[in-house]
Amino acid sequence: MKLLVVVATREARDDIEAALQSGGALGFTEIPGVLGEGSSGPRFGSRAAPGISDLILVAVDDGRLASMREALAQVAARKGRRLHGFLIPAEEL
């Protein structure tokens, strides 16, 4: 099992959630309004660094990982946006 961590713009959130569901996600956790700086620049929700990102966490079993990746890649291609996703090994308690 893996923990999929997706950092995305607020504008892409609905498309990402739909893609996760179509990719087989049984559920997800969203942390809205995360701030930070990365390859797309600073996003601090201020006039100097506008924009806010959202963090989406999804537990994915290995059998659904490929379909999840494909669904997210389609969103990125369709929207012309780069999505930041990370996989972390996870174990259910």
PDB file of N, CA and C in Angstrom:
ATOM      1  N   MET A   1       0.841  -1.169   0.000  1.00  0.00           N
ATOM      2  CA  MET A   1       0.000   0.000   0.000  1.00  0.00           C
ATOM      3  C   MET A   1       0.886   1.230   0.000  1.00  0.00           C
ATOM      4  N   LYS A   2       0.408   2.267  -0.680  1.00  0.00           N
ATOM      5  CA  LYS A   2       1.136   3.531  -0.752  1.00  0.00           C
ATOM      6  C   LYS A   2       0.209   4.661  -0.311  1.00  0.00           C
ATOM      7  N   LEU A   3       0.815   5.725   0.178  1.00  0.00           N
ATOM      8  CA  LEU A   3       0.084   6.953   0.446  1.00  0.00           C
ATOM      9  C   LEU A   3       0.430   7.907  -0.685  1.00  0.00           C
ATOM     10  N   LEU A   4      -0.566   8.265  -1.460  1.00  0.00           N
ATOM     11  CA  LEU A   4      -0.388   9.214  -2.554  1.00  0.00           C
ATOM     12  C   LEU A   4      -0.658  10.605  -2.003  1.00  0.00           C
ATOM     13  N   VAL A   5       0.309  11.487  -2.164  1.00  0.00           N
ATOM     14  CA  VAL A   5       0.199  12.871  -1.713  1.00  0.00           C
ATOM     15  C   VAL A   5       0.207  13.746  -2.959  1.00  0.00           C
ATOM     16  N   VAL A   6      -0.866  14.492  -3.170  1.00  0.00           N
ATOM     17  CA  VAL A   6      -0.970  15.360  -4.342  1.00  0.00           C
ATOM     18  C   VAL A   6      -1.057  16.800  -3.858  1.00  0.00           C
ATOM     19  N   VAL A   7      -0.191  17.649  -4.403  1.00  0.00           N
ATOM     20  CA  VAL A   7      -0.242  19.082  -4.147  1.00  0.00           C
ATOM     21  C   VAL A   7      -0.707  19.725  -5.441  1.00  0.00           C
ATOM     22  N   ALA A   8      -1.807  20.452  -5.369  1.00  0.00           N
ATOM     23  CA  ALA A   8      -2.385  21.013  -6.594  1.00  0.00           C
ATOM     24  C   ALA A   8      -2.969  22.385  -6.323  1.00  0.00           C
ATOM     25  N   THR A   9      -3.141  23.133  -7.393  1.00  0.00           N
ATOM     26  CA  THR A   9      -3.781  24.429  -7.273  1.00  0.00           C
ATOM     27  C   THR A   9      -5.241  24.243  -6.895  1.00  0.00           C
ATOM     28  N   ARG A  10      -5.766  25.217  -6.251  1.00  0.00           N
ATOM     29  CA  ARG A  10      -7.172  25.174  -5.853  1.00  0.00           C
ATOM     30  C   ARG A  10      -8.080  24.987  -7.074  1.00  0.00           C
ATOM     31  N   GLU A  11      -7.700  25.578  -8.206  1.00  0.00           N
ATOM     32  CA  GLU A  11      -8.512  25.503  -9.423  1.00  0.00           C
ATOM     33  C   GLU A  11      -8.588  24.081  -9.987  1.00  0.00           C
ATOM     34  N   ALA A  12      -7.603  23.261  -9.708  1.00  0.00           N
ATOM     35  CA  ALA A  12      -7.571  21.897 -10.247  1.00  0.00           C
ATOM     36  C   ALA A  12      -8.189  20.874  -9.302  1.00  0.00           C
ATOM     37  N   ARG A  13      -8.584  21.291  -8.123  1.00  0.00           N
ATOM     38  CA  ARG A  13      -9.038  20.362  -7.091  1.00  0.00           C
ATOM     39  C   ARG A  13     -10.196  19.468  -7.535  1.00  0.00           C
ATOM     40  N   ASP A  14     -11.241  20.038  -8.106  1.00  0.00           N
ATOM     41  CA  ASP A  14     -12.398  19.229  -8.499  1.00  0.00           C
ATOM     42  C   ASP A  14     -12.032  18.185  -9.546  1.00  0.00           C
ATOM     43  N   ASP A  15     -11.203  18.579 -10.514  1.00  0.00           N
ATOM     44  CA  ASP A  15     -10.777  17.637 -11.549  1.00  0.00           C
ATOM     45  C   ASP A  15      -9.943  16.511 -10.956  1.00  0.00           C
ATOM     46  N   ILE A  16      -9.101  16.834 -10.006  1.00  0.00           N
ATOM     47  CA  ILE A  16      -8.254  15.820  -9.374  1.00  0.00           C
ATOM     48  C   ILE A  16      -9.110  14.850  -8.564  1.00  0.00           C
ATOM     49  N   GLU A  17     -10.059  15.372  -7.821  1.00  0.00           N
ATOM     50  CA  GLU A  17     -10.928  14.496  -7.033  1.00  0.00           C
ATOM     51  C   GLU A  17     -11.717  13.556  -7.939  1.00  0.00           C
ATOM     52  N   ALA A  18     -12.216  14.058  -9.070  1.00  0.00           N
ATOM     53  CA  ALA A  18     -12.934  13.205 -10.021  1.00  0.00           C
ATOM     54  C   ALA A  18     -12.007  12.141 -10.597  1.00  0.00           C
ATOM     55  N   ALA A  19     -10.761  12.525 -10.897  1.00  0.00           N
ATOM     56  CA  ALA A  19      -9.792  11.569 -11.443  1.00  0.00           C
ATOM     57  C   ALA A  19      -9.459  10.484 -10.429  1.00  0.00           C
ATOM     58  N   LEU A  20      -9.321  10.857  -9.174  1.00  0.00           N
ATOM     59  CA  LEU A  20      -9.026   9.869  -8.142  1.00  0.00           C
ATOM     60  C   LEU A  20     -10.163   8.863  -8.015  1.00  0.00           C
ATOM     61  N   GLN A  21     -11.384   9.344  -8.063  1.00  0.00           N
ATOM     62  CA  GLN A  21     -12.529   8.442  -7.981  1.00  0.00           C
ATOM     63  C   GLN A  21     -12.592   7.532  -9.199  1.00  0.00           C
ATOM     64  N   SER A  22     -12.340   8.085 -10.396  1.00  0.00           N
ATOM     65  CA  SER A  22     -12.364   7.247 -11.602  1.00  0.00           C
ATOM     66  C   SER A  22     -11.193   6.264 -11.614  1.00  0.00           C
ATOM     67  N   GLY A  23     -10.105   6.606 -10.918  1.00  0.00           N
ATOM     68  CA  GLY A  23      -8.952   5.721 -10.828  1.00  0.00           C
ATOM     69  C   GLY A  23      -9.103   4.642  -9.772  1.00  0.00           C
ATOM     70  N   GLY A  24     -10.222   4.660  -9.050  1.00  0.00           N
ATOM     71  CA  GLY A  24     -10.478   3.602  -8.086  1.00  0.00           C
ATOM     72  C   GLY A  24     -10.282   3.968  -6.626  1.00  0.00           C
ATOM     73  N   ALA A  25     -10.084   5.251  -6.330  1.00  0.00           N
ATOM     74  CA  ALA A  25      -9.916   5.643  -4.929  1.00  0.00           C
ATOM     75  C   ALA A  25     -11.208   5.399  -4.167  1.00  0.00           C
ATOM     76  N   LEU A  26     -11.096   4.803  -3.020  1.00  0.00           N
ATOM     77  CA  LEU A  26     -12.265   4.558  -2.180  1.00  0.00           C
ATOM     78  C   LEU A  26     -12.583   5.758  -1.302  1.00  0.00           C
ATOM     79  N   GLY A  27     -11.651   6.672  -1.200  1.00  0.00           N
ATOM     80  CA  GLY A  27     -11.827   7.876  -0.404  1.00  0.00           C
ATOM     81  C   GLY A  27     -10.538   8.663  -0.396  1.00  0.00           C
ATOM     82  N   PHE A  28     -10.574   9.834   0.160  1.00  0.00           N
ATOM     83  CA  PHE A  28      -9.376  10.663   0.239  1.00  0.00           C
ATOM     84  C   PHE A  28      -9.546  11.649   1.374  1.00  0.00           C
ATOM     85  N   THR A  29      -8.452  12.272   1.747  1.00  0.00           N
ATOM     86  CA  THR A  29      -8.464  13.337   2.736  1.00  0.00           C
ATOM     87  C   THR A  29      -7.884  14.568   2.080  1.00  0.00           C
ATOM     88  N   GLU A  30      -8.538  15.686   2.289  1.00  0.00           N
ATOM     89  CA  GLU A  30      -8.068  16.932   1.695  1.00  0.00           C
ATOM     90  C   GLU A  30      -7.721  17.923   2.799  1.00  0.00           C
ATOM     91  N   ILE A  31      -6.575  18.550   2.634  1.00  0.00           N
ATOM     92  CA  ILE A  31      -6.172  19.633   3.526  1.00  0.00           C
ATOM     93  C   ILE A  31      -6.149  20.892   2.671  1.00  0.00           C
ATOM     94  N   PRO A  32      -7.171  21.731   2.797  1.00  0.00           N
ATOM     95  CA  PRO A  32      -7.238  22.921   1.953  1.00  0.00           C
ATOM     96  C   PRO A  32      -6.323  24.026   2.477  1.00  0.00           C
ATOM     97  N   GLY A  33      -5.888  24.851   1.543  1.00  0.00           N
ATOM     98  CA  GLY A  33      -5.169  26.062   1.912  1.00  0.00           C
ATOM     99  C   GLY A  33      -3.775  25.869   2.438  1.00  0.00           C
ATOM    100  N   VAL A  34      -2.985  24.999   1.798  1.00  0.00           N
ATOM    101  CA  VAL A  34      -1.596  24.848   2.223  1.00  0.00           C
ATOM    102  C   VAL A  34      -0.741  25.894   1.508  1.00  0.00           C
ATOM    103  N   LEU A  35       0.252  26.380   2.183  1.00  0.00           N
ATOM    104  CA  LEU A  35       1.118  27.431   1.661  1.00  0.00           C
ATOM    105  C   LEU A  35       2.526  26.892   1.516  1.00  0.00           C
ATOM    106  N   GLY A  36       3.255  27.432   0.554  1.00  0.00           N
ATOM    107  CA  GLY A  36       4.633  27.001   0.393  1.00  0.00           C
ATOM    108  C   GLY A  36       5.233  27.521  -0.897  1.00  0.00           C
ATOM    109  N   GLU A  37       6.396  27.007  -1.209  1.00  0.00           N
ATOM    110  CA  GLU A  37       7.116  27.416  -2.401  1.00  0.00           C
ATOM    111  C   GLU A  37       7.740  26.197  -3.044  1.00  0.00           C
ATOM    112  N   GLY A  38       7.634  26.128  -4.358  1.00  0.00           N
ATOM    113  CA  GLY A  38       8.203  25.010  -5.098  1.00  0.00           C
ATOM    114  C   GLY A  38       8.593  25.454  -6.485  1.00  0.00           C
ATOM    115  N   SER A  39       8.610  24.496  -7.415  1.00  0.00           N
ATOM    116  CA  SER A  39       9.052  24.798  -8.777  1.00  0.00           C
ATOM    117  C   SER A  39       8.130  25.773  -9.498  1.00  0.00           C
ATOM    118  N   SER A  40       6.876  25.868  -9.056  1.00  0.00           N
ATOM    119  CA  SER A  40       5.950  26.814  -9.687  1.00  0.00           C
ATOM    120  C   SER A  40       5.977  28.178  -9.005  1.00  0.00           C
ATOM    121  N   GLY A  41       6.849  28.337  -8.027  1.00  0.00           N
ATOM    122  CA  GLY A  41       6.982  29.623  -7.352  1.00  0.00           C
ATOM    123  C   GLY A  41       6.287  29.637  -6.006  1.00  0.00           C
ATOM    124  N   PRO A  42       6.355  30.778  -5.327  1.00  0.00           N
ATOM    125  CA  PRO A  42       5.738  30.880  -4.007  1.00  0.00           C
ATOM    126  C   PRO A  42       4.219  30.986  -4.102  1.00  0.00           C
ATOM    127  N   ARG A  43       3.543  30.361  -3.165  1.00  0.00           N
ATOM    128  CA  ARG A  43       2.077  30.413  -3.068  1.00  0.00           C
ATOM    129  C   ARG A  43       1.734  30.605  -1.595  1.00  0.00           C
ATOM    130  N   PHE A  44       1.574  31.873  -1.223  1.00  0.00           N
ATOM    131  CA  PHE A  44       1.313  32.199   0.177  1.00  0.00           C
ATOM    132  C   PHE A  44      -0.007  32.932   0.386  1.00  0.00           C
ATOM    133  N   GLY A  45      -0.827  33.023  -0.645  1.00  0.00           N
ATOM    134  CA  GLY A  45      -2.128  33.656  -0.509  1.00  0.00           C
ATOM    135  C   GLY A  45      -2.063  35.144  -0.207  1.00  0.00           C
ATOM    136  N   SER A  46      -0.975  35.781  -0.602  1.00  0.00           N
ATOM    137  CA  SER A  46      -0.804  37.207  -0.342  1.00  0.00           C
ATOM    138  C   SER A  46      -0.719  37.960  -1.668  1.00  0.00           C
ATOM    139  N   ARG A  47      -0.697  39.266  -1.594  1.00  0.00           N
ATOM    140  CA  ARG A  47      -0.559  40.043  -2.834  1.00  0.00           C
ATOM    141  C   ARG A  47       0.806  39.824  -3.471  1.00  0.00           C
ATOM    142  N   ALA A  48       1.811  39.644  -2.662  1.00  0.00           N
ATOM    143  CA  ALA A  48       3.158  39.432  -3.190  1.00  0.00           C
ATOM    144  C   ALA A  48       3.345  38.025  -3.744  1.00  0.00           C
ATOM    145  N   ALA A  49       2.667  37.058  -3.160  1.00  0.00           N
ATOM    146  CA  ALA A  49       2.777  35.664  -3.605  1.00  0.00           C
ATOM    147  C   ALA A  49       1.368  35.057  -3.620  1.00  0.00           C
ATOM    148  N   PRO A  50       0.576  35.427  -4.639  1.00  0.00           N
ATOM    149  CA  PRO A  50      -0.813  34.962  -4.671  1.00  0.00           C
ATOM    150  C   PRO A  50      -0.900  33.458  -4.932  1.00  0.00           C
ATOM    151  N   GLY A  51      -2.059  32.931  -4.646  1.00  0.00           N
ATOM    152  CA  GLY A  51      -2.307  31.521  -4.898  1.00  0.00           C
ATOM    153  C   GLY A  51      -2.261  30.700  -3.634  1.00  0.00           C
ATOM    154  N   ILE A  52      -3.076  29.686  -3.628  1.00  0.00           N
ATOM    155  CA  ILE A  52      -3.134  28.752  -2.515  1.00  0.00           C
ATOM    156  C   ILE A  52      -3.218  27.351  -3.114  1.00  0.00           C
ATOM    157  N   SER A  53      -2.532  26.434  -2.512  1.00  0.00           N
ATOM    158  CA  SER A  53      -2.583  25.047  -2.955  1.00  0.00           C
ATOM    159  C   SER A  53      -3.428  24.224  -1.995  1.00  0.00           C
ATOM    160  N   ASP A  54      -3.830  23.053  -2.441  1.00  0.00           N
ATOM    161  CA  ASP A  54      -4.515  22.096  -1.590  1.00  0.00           C
ATOM    162  C   ASP A  54      -3.703  20.811  -1.576  1.00  0.00           C
ATOM    163  N   LEU A  55      -3.751  20.106  -0.480  1.00  0.00           N
ATOM    164  CA  LEU A  55      -3.039  18.844  -0.313  1.00  0.00           C
ATOM    165  C   LEU A  55      -4.084  17.740  -0.236  1.00  0.00           C
ATOM    166  N   ILE A  56      -3.932  16.725  -1.075  1.00  0.00           N
ATOM    167  CA  ILE A  56      -4.880  15.618  -1.112  1.00  0.00           C
ATOM    168  C   ILE A  56      -4.118  14.339  -0.806  1.00  0.00           C
ATOM    169  N   LEU A  57      -4.616  13.567   0.160  1.00  0.00           N
ATOM    170  CA  LEU A  57      -3.987  12.324   0.591  1.00  0.00           C
ATOM    171  C   LEU A  57      -4.910  11.159   0.245  1.00  0.00           C
ATOM    172  N   VAL A  58      -4.322  10.133  -0.385  1.00  0.00           N
ATOM    173  CA  VAL A  58      -5.103   8.967  -0.786  1.00  0.00           C
ATOM    174  C   VAL A  58      -4.304   7.711  -0.469  1.00  0.00           C
ATOM    175  N   ALA A  59      -4.912   6.789   0.251  1.00  0.00           N
ATOM    176  CA  ALA A  59      -4.310   5.477   0.460  1.00  0.00           C
ATOM    177  C   ALA A  59      -4.650   4.616  -0.753  1.00  0.00           C
ATOM    178  N   VAL A  60      -3.623   4.093  -1.414  1.00  0.00           N
ATOM    179  CA  VAL A  60      -3.810   3.342  -2.658  1.00  0.00           C
ATOM    180  C   VAL A  60      -3.157   1.974  -2.524  1.00  0.00           C
ATOM    181  N   ASP A  61      -3.940   0.911  -2.771  1.00  0.00           N
ATOM    182  CA  ASP A  61      -3.310  -0.404  -2.785  1.00  0.00           C
ATOM    183  C   ASP A  61      -2.555  -0.557  -4.109  1.00  0.00           C
ATOM    184  N   ASP A  62      -1.575  -1.407  -4.108  1.00  0.00           N
ATOM    185  CA  ASP A  62      -0.682  -1.521  -5.258  1.00  0.00           C
ATOM    186  C   ASP A  62      -1.420  -1.874  -6.548  1.00  0.00           C
ATOM    187  N   GLY A  63      -2.531  -2.590  -6.454  1.00  0.00           N
ATOM    188  CA  GLY A  63      -3.289  -2.979  -7.637  1.00  0.00           C
ATOM    189  C   GLY A  63      -3.989  -1.817  -8.327  1.00  0.00           C
ATOM    190  N   ARG A  64      -4.216  -0.727  -7.617  1.00  0.00           N
ATOM    191  CA  ARG A  64      -4.897   0.438  -8.202  1.00  0.00           C
ATOM    192  C   ARG A  64      -3.943   1.574  -8.544  1.00  0.00           C
ATOM    193  N   LEU A  65      -2.687   1.396  -8.264  1.00  0.00           N
ATOM    194  CA  LEU A  65      -1.718   2.471  -8.446  1.00  0.00           C
ATOM    195  C   LEU A  65      -1.598   2.906  -9.900  1.00  0.00           C
ATOM    196  N   ALA A  66      -1.545   1.973 -10.829  1.00  0.00           N
ATOM    197  CA  ALA A  66      -1.390   2.322 -12.249  1.00  0.00           C
ATOM    198  C   ALA A  66      -2.595   3.112 -12.752  1.00  0.00           C
ATOM    199  N   SER A  67      -3.805   2.707 -12.396  1.00  0.00           N
ATOM    200  CA  SER A  67      -4.993   3.425 -12.855  1.00  0.00           C
ATOM    201  C   SER A  67      -5.071   4.810 -12.220  1.00  0.00           C
ATOM    202  N   MET A  68      -4.605   4.943 -11.002  1.00  0.00           N
ATOM    203  CA  MET A  68      -4.582   6.241 -10.334  1.00  0.00           C
ATOM    204  C   MET A  68      -3.609   7.188 -11.025  1.00  0.00           C
ATOM    205  N   ARG A  69      -2.429   6.678 -11.348  1.00  0.00           N
ATOM    206  CA  ARG A  69      -1.436   7.498 -12.065  1.00  0.00           C
ATOM    207  C   ARG A  69      -1.971   7.943 -13.418  1.00  0.00           C
ATOM    208  N   GLU A  70      -2.594   7.030 -14.140  1.00  0.00           N
ATOM    209  CA  GLU A  70      -3.127   7.350 -15.460  1.00  0.00           C
ATOM    210  C   GLU A  70      -4.216   8.416 -15.359  1.00  0.00           C
ATOM    211  N   ALA A  71      -5.105   8.293 -14.395  1.00  0.00           N
ATOM    212  CA  ALA A  71      -6.184   9.263 -14.222  1.00  0.00           C
ATOM    213  C   ALA A  71      -5.626  10.652 -13.920  1.00  0.00           C
ATOM    214  N   LEU A  72      -4.608  10.728 -13.069  1.00  0.00           N
ATOM    215  CA  LEU A  72      -4.004  12.024 -12.747  1.00  0.00           C
ATOM    216  C   LEU A  72      -3.236  12.593 -13.934  1.00  0.00           C
ATOM    217  N   ALA A  73      -2.570  11.734 -14.705  1.00  0.00           N
ATOM    218  CA  ALA A  73      -1.851  12.194 -15.897  1.00  0.00           C
ATOM    219  C   ALA A  73      -2.821  12.788 -16.919  1.00  0.00           C
ATOM    220  N   GLN A  74      -4.008  12.210 -17.026  1.00  0.00           N
ATOM    221  CA  GLN A  74      -5.008  12.741 -17.950  1.00  0.00           C
ATOM    222  C   GLN A  74      -5.481  14.120 -17.519  1.00  0.00           C
ATOM    223  N   VAL A  75      -5.646  14.331 -16.234  1.00  0.00           N
ATOM    224  CA  VAL A  75      -6.031  15.657 -15.744  1.00  0.00           C
ATOM    225  C   VAL A  75      -4.941  16.674 -16.073  1.00  0.00           C
ATOM    226  N   ALA A  76      -3.701  16.305 -15.816  1.00  0.00           N
ATOM    227  CA  ALA A  76      -2.593  17.219 -16.092  1.00  0.00           C
ATOM    228  C   ALA A  76      -2.524  17.566 -17.577  1.00  0.00           C
ATOM    229  N   ALA A  77      -2.700  16.583 -18.443  1.00  0.00           N
ATOM    230  CA  ALA A  77      -2.643  16.824 -19.887  1.00  0.00           C
ATOM    231  C   ALA A  77      -3.827  17.667 -20.355  1.00  0.00           C
ATOM    232  N   ARG A  78      -4.991  17.370 -19.838  1.00  0.00           N
ATOM    233  CA  ARG A  78      -6.208  18.082 -20.253  1.00  0.00           C
ATOM    234  C   ARG A  78      -6.192  19.534 -19.786  1.00  0.00           C
ATOM    235  N   LYS A  79      -5.710  19.773 -18.596  1.00  0.00           N
ATOM    236  CA  LYS A  79      -5.718  21.112 -18.024  1.00  0.00           C
ATOM    237  C   LYS A  79      -4.441  21.895 -18.312  1.00  0.00           C
ATOM    238  N   GLY A  80      -3.444  21.208 -18.861  1.00  0.00           N
ATOM    239  CA  GLY A  80      -2.180  21.890 -19.121  1.00  0.00           C
ATOM    240  C   GLY A  80      -1.481  22.311 -17.841  1.00  0.00           C
ATOM    241  N   ARG A  81      -1.701  21.555 -16.792  1.00  0.00           N
ATOM    242  CA  ARG A  81      -1.105  21.869 -15.495  1.00  0.00           C
ATOM    243  C   ARG A  81      -0.192  20.740 -15.053  1.00  0.00           C
ATOM    244  N   ARG A  82       0.828  21.112 -14.365  1.00  0.00           N
ATOM    245  CA  ARG A  82       1.696  20.113 -13.764  1.00  0.00           C
ATOM    246  C   ARG A  82       1.189  19.813 -12.363  1.00  0.00           C
ATOM    247  N   LEU A  83       1.005  18.550 -12.089  1.00  0.00           N
ATOM    248  CA  LEU A  83       0.581  18.133 -10.762  1.00  0.00           C
ATOM    249  C   LEU A  83       1.787  17.602 -10.010  1.00  0.00           C
ATOM    250  N   HIS A  84       1.835  17.887  -8.762  1.00  0.00           N
ATOM    251  CA  HIS A  84       2.922  17.396  -7.936  1.00  0.00           C
ATOM    252  C   HIS A  84       2.383  16.241  -7.095  1.00  0.00           C
ATOM    253  N   GLY A  85       2.884  15.059  -7.366  1.00  0.00           N
ATOM    254  CA  GLY A  85       2.435  13.888  -6.633  1.00  0.00           C
ATOM    255  C   GLY A  85       3.614  13.115  -6.082  1.00  0.00           C
ATOM    256  N   PHE A  86       3.404  12.531  -4.922  1.00  0.00           N
ATOM    257  CA  PHE A  86       4.450  11.775  -4.267  1.00  0.00           C
ATOM    258  C   PHE A  86       3.864  10.498  -3.687  1.00  0.00           C
ATOM    259  N   LEU A  87       4.629   9.434  -3.731  1.00  0.00           N
ATOM    260  CA  LEU A  87       4.196   8.160  -3.155  1.00  0.00           C
ATOM    261  C   LEU A  87       5.063   7.852  -1.937  1.00  0.00           C
ATOM    262  N   ILE A  88       4.398   7.495  -0.859  1.00  0.00           N
ATOM    263  CA  ILE A  88       5.076   7.150   0.390  1.00  0.00           C
ATOM    264  C   ILE A  88       4.607   5.759   0.789  1.00  0.00           C
ATOM    265  N   PRO A  89       5.524   4.863   1.114  1.00  0.00           N
ATOM    266  CA  PRO A  89       5.084   3.542   1.583  1.00  0.00           C
ATOM    267  C   PRO A  89       4.180   3.704   2.808  1.00  0.00           C
ATOM    268  N   ALA A  90       3.105   2.935   2.840  1.00  0.00           N
ATOM    269  CA  ALA A  90       2.154   3.060   3.953  1.00  0.00           C
ATOM    270  C   ALA A  90       1.739   1.673   4.422  1.00  0.00           C
ATOM    271  N   GLU A  91       1.419   1.599   5.677  1.00  0.00           N
ATOM    272  CA  GLU A  91       0.959   0.359   6.269  1.00  0.00           C
ATOM    273  C   GLU A  91      -0.240   0.685   7.155  1.00  0.00           C
ATOM    274  N   GLU A  92      -1.326  -0.049   6.972  1.00  0.00           N
ATOM    275  CA  GLU A  92      -2.519   0.194   7.770  1.00  0.00           C
ATOM    276  C   GLU A  92      -2.304  -0.296   9.189  1.00  0.00           C
ATOM    277  N   LEU A  93      -2.766   0.479  10.159  1.00  0.00           N
ATOM    278  CA  LEU A  93      -2.620   0.087  11.567  1.00  0.00           C
ATOM    279  C   LEU A  93      -3.588  -1.003  11.933  1.00  0.00           C
TER     280      LEU A  93
END
